[in-house]
Amino acid sequence: MTKQLRAHDSNFSKLLYSQLVGDEIISFYRTKRNKLGIGWFVDKEDGIKLIQTSGYDSIYSEDALTWHGKEDNMFSMLYGTVQDSLITQVIAVSEGYKAATIVESNGIRIWYVKQGARLHLPITIRATDRNGDIIFETGDFEHWESD
């Protein structure tokens, strides 16, 4: 996978994390400019093949959480990095209050929520600590609470 990402993205620096999600393998990687990139792979009869890469998100930020939304015909995804060490849960409110997967690799905490359909707008995200206290939120909570 590293070889394919490097060939496809000249900014590729280091593979951080890969996970089988449904029928695809998602791989998060660091770019030479300290951005978070993501690649999607499928396991074909002749080996694992890169389908595409997506836009970059910041690895480092003064905000407690970074986020990026990605949509295409295959699936949608929200992802980013967790900056605040108190954050233990990220919730994609706009995706039906779906809890994100949080992983750590090379000192970088990555979160993601994969959806099969398009992202619901307005994108709304909340991050909490282990007691449920809100550390970070963005979006329109009134919109989702009125449904």
Protein backbone atom coordinates (compact mmCIF):
# COMPACT_ATOMS: atom_id res chain seq x y z
CA MET A 1 0.00 0.00 0.00
CA THR A 2 2.86 2.36 0.82
CA LYS A 3 4.30 1.93 -2.67
CA GLN A 4 0.96 2.69 -4.33
CA LEU A 5 0.33 5.76 -2.15
CA ARG A 6 3.81 7.10 -2.85
CA ALA A 7 3.31 6.61 -6.60
CA HIS A 8 -0.10 8.32 -6.53
CA ASP A 9 0.68 11.20 -4.15
CA SER A 10 4.03 12.97 -4.46
CA ASN A 11 3.45 14.48 -0.98
CA PHE A 12 3.27 11.04 0.69
CA SER A 13 5.63 10.68 3.66
CA LYS A 14 4.55 7.84 5.98
CA LEU A 15 1.72 5.33 6.32
CA LEU A 16 0.09 5.84 9.73
CA TYR A 17 -2.83 3.42 9.95
CA SER A 18 -4.84 1.00 7.80
CA GLN A 19 -8.14 -0.68 8.57
CA LEU A 20 -10.54 -2.94 6.71
CA VAL A 21 -13.91 -1.16 6.68
CA GLY A 22 -16.61 -3.05 4.84
CA ASP A 23 -15.23 -4.03 1.45
CA GLU A 24 -12.51 -1.38 1.41
CA ILE A 25 -9.25 -0.77 3.20
CA ILE A 26 -8.78 2.79 4.38
CA SER A 27 -5.26 4.03 4.98
CA PHE A 28 -4.32 7.26 6.70
CA TYR A 29 -0.93 8.74 5.93
CA ARG A 30 1.23 11.74 6.74
CA THR A 31 2.31 14.04 3.94
CA LYS A 32 5.63 15.84 3.64
CA ARG A 33 3.79 19.01 4.72
CA ASN A 34 2.45 17.39 7.94
CA LYS A 35 -1.07 16.93 6.61
CA LEU A 36 -3.30 13.89 7.03
CA GLY A 37 -4.07 12.11 3.79
CA ILE A 38 -6.36 9.15 3.21
CA GLY A 39 -6.34 6.40 0.61
CA TRP A 40 -8.96 3.78 -0.27
CA PHE A 41 -8.00 0.32 -1.45
CA VAL A 42 -9.87 -2.80 -2.55
CA ASP A 43 -8.65 -6.38 -2.38
CA LYS A 44 -8.85 -7.76 -5.91
CA GLU A 45 -7.90 -11.21 -7.20
CA ASP A 46 -4.56 -9.85 -8.36
CA GLY A 47 -3.80 -8.01 -5.10
CA ILE A 48 -4.67 -4.89 -3.17
CA LYS A 49 -5.32 -1.91 -5.45
CA LEU A 50 -5.54 1.80 -4.67
CA ILE A 51 -8.91 3.25 -5.71
CA GLN A 52 -8.27 6.88 -4.82
CA THR A 53 -6.89 9.37 -2.34
CA SER A 54 -8.71 12.33 -0.85
CA GLY A 55 -8.04 15.87 0.28
CA TYR A 56 -5.78 16.65 3.19
CA ASP A 57 -6.63 17.66 6.74
CA SER A 58 -4.36 19.29 9.28
CA ILE A 59 -2.48 16.96 11.58
CA TYR A 60 -1.66 19.75 13.99
CA SER A 61 -4.01 22.52 15.07
CA GLU A 62 -4.71 24.84 17.96
CA ASP A 63 -8.30 23.54 17.91
CA ALA A 64 -9.15 20.52 20.05
CA LEU A 65 -10.16 18.58 16.92
CA THR A 66 -9.60 18.80 13.17
CA TRP A 67 -12.11 17.49 10.66
CA HIS A 68 -12.59 16.94 6.96
CA GLY A 69 -15.57 15.58 5.01
CA LYS A 70 -15.24 13.41 1.90
CA GLU A 71 -18.00 12.30 -0.45
CA ASP A 72 -18.07 10.35 -3.67
CA ASN A 73 -20.27 7.81 -5.44
CA MET A 74 -18.95 4.89 -3.34
CA PHE A 75 -19.20 6.18 0.23
CA SER A 76 -18.76 9.19 2.48
CA MET A 77 -16.47 9.81 5.40
CA LEU A 78 -15.76 12.31 8.16
CA TYR A 79 -12.25 12.19 9.58
CA GLY A 80 -9.56 14.22 11.27
CA THR A 81 -7.20 14.33 14.21
CA VAL A 82 -7.79 14.62 17.94
CA GLN A 83 -5.59 17.36 19.41
CA ASP A 84 -6.87 17.53 22.98
CA SER A 85 -5.73 14.61 25.14
CA LEU A 86 -8.95 14.84 27.20
CA ILE A 87 -11.11 13.84 24.22
CA THR A 88 -12.21 10.21 24.46
CA GLN A 89 -15.21 10.25 22.12
CA VAL A 90 -16.07 11.97 18.84
CA ILE A 91 -19.70 11.90 17.77
CA ALA A 92 -20.90 12.66 14.24
CA VAL A 93 -24.22 14.22 15.25
CA SER A 94 -25.24 14.84 11.63
CA GLU A 95 -24.71 11.15 10.84
CA GLY A 96 -27.30 9.95 13.36
CA TYR A 97 -25.12 10.53 16.43
CA LYS A 98 -22.66 7.92 15.18
CA ALA A 99 -19.59 7.39 17.39
CA ALA A 100 -16.29 7.71 15.56
CA THR A 101 -13.47 5.21 15.65
CA ILE A 102 -10.40 6.75 17.31
CA VAL A 103 -6.95 5.22 16.77
CA GLU A 104 -3.44 6.33 17.64
CA SER A 105 -0.39 5.93 15.44
CA ASN A 106 3.03 7.52 15.79
CA GLY A 107 1.68 9.94 18.41
CA ILE A 108 -1.19 11.07 16.15
CA ARG A 109 -4.77 10.37 17.22
CA ILE A 110 -6.98 9.89 14.15
CA TRP A 111 -10.78 9.71 14.21
CA TYR A 112 -13.15 8.64 11.45
CA VAL A 113 -16.75 7.80 10.64
CA LYS A 114 -17.49 6.00 7.37
CA GLN A 115 -20.96 6.27 5.82
CA GLY A 116 -22.36 4.37 2.89
CA ALA A 117 -24.42 7.34 1.74
CA ARG A 118 -23.85 11.05 1.31
CA LEU A 119 -22.96 13.15 4.32
CA HIS A 120 -25.88 14.90 5.97
CA LEU A 121 -25.70 18.69 6.05
CA PRO A 122 -25.00 20.72 8.02
CA ILE A 123 -22.06 18.62 9.22
CA THR A 124 -22.21 18.65 13.00
CA ILE A 125 -19.58 17.11 15.28
CA ARG A 126 -19.17 16.91 19.05
CA ALA A 127 -16.15 15.66 21.03
CA THR A 128 -16.37 14.80 24.72
CA ASP A 129 -14.17 13.67 27.58
CA ARG A 130 -14.69 10.44 29.54
CA ASN A 131 -17.31 12.16 31.73
CA GLY A 132 -19.34 13.30 28.73
CA ASP A 133 -18.29 16.94 29.10
CA ILE A 134 -18.08 18.74 25.75
CA ILE A 135 -14.53 19.65 24.71
CA PHE A 136 -15.24 20.61 21.08
CA GLU A 137 -18.25 21.07 18.86
CA THR A 138 -19.00 22.50 15.46
CA GLY A 139 -22.11 22.68 13.32
CA ASP A 140 -25.80 23.31 13.84
CA PHE A 141 -27.07 21.31 16.80
CA GLU A 142 -30.53 22.91 16.74
CA HIS A 143 -31.05 21.54 13.23
CA TRP A 144 -30.44 17.94 14.37
CA GLU A 145 -32.28 18.24 17.68
CA SER A 146 -35.44 19.42 15.90
CA ASP A 147 -35.76 16.19 13.87
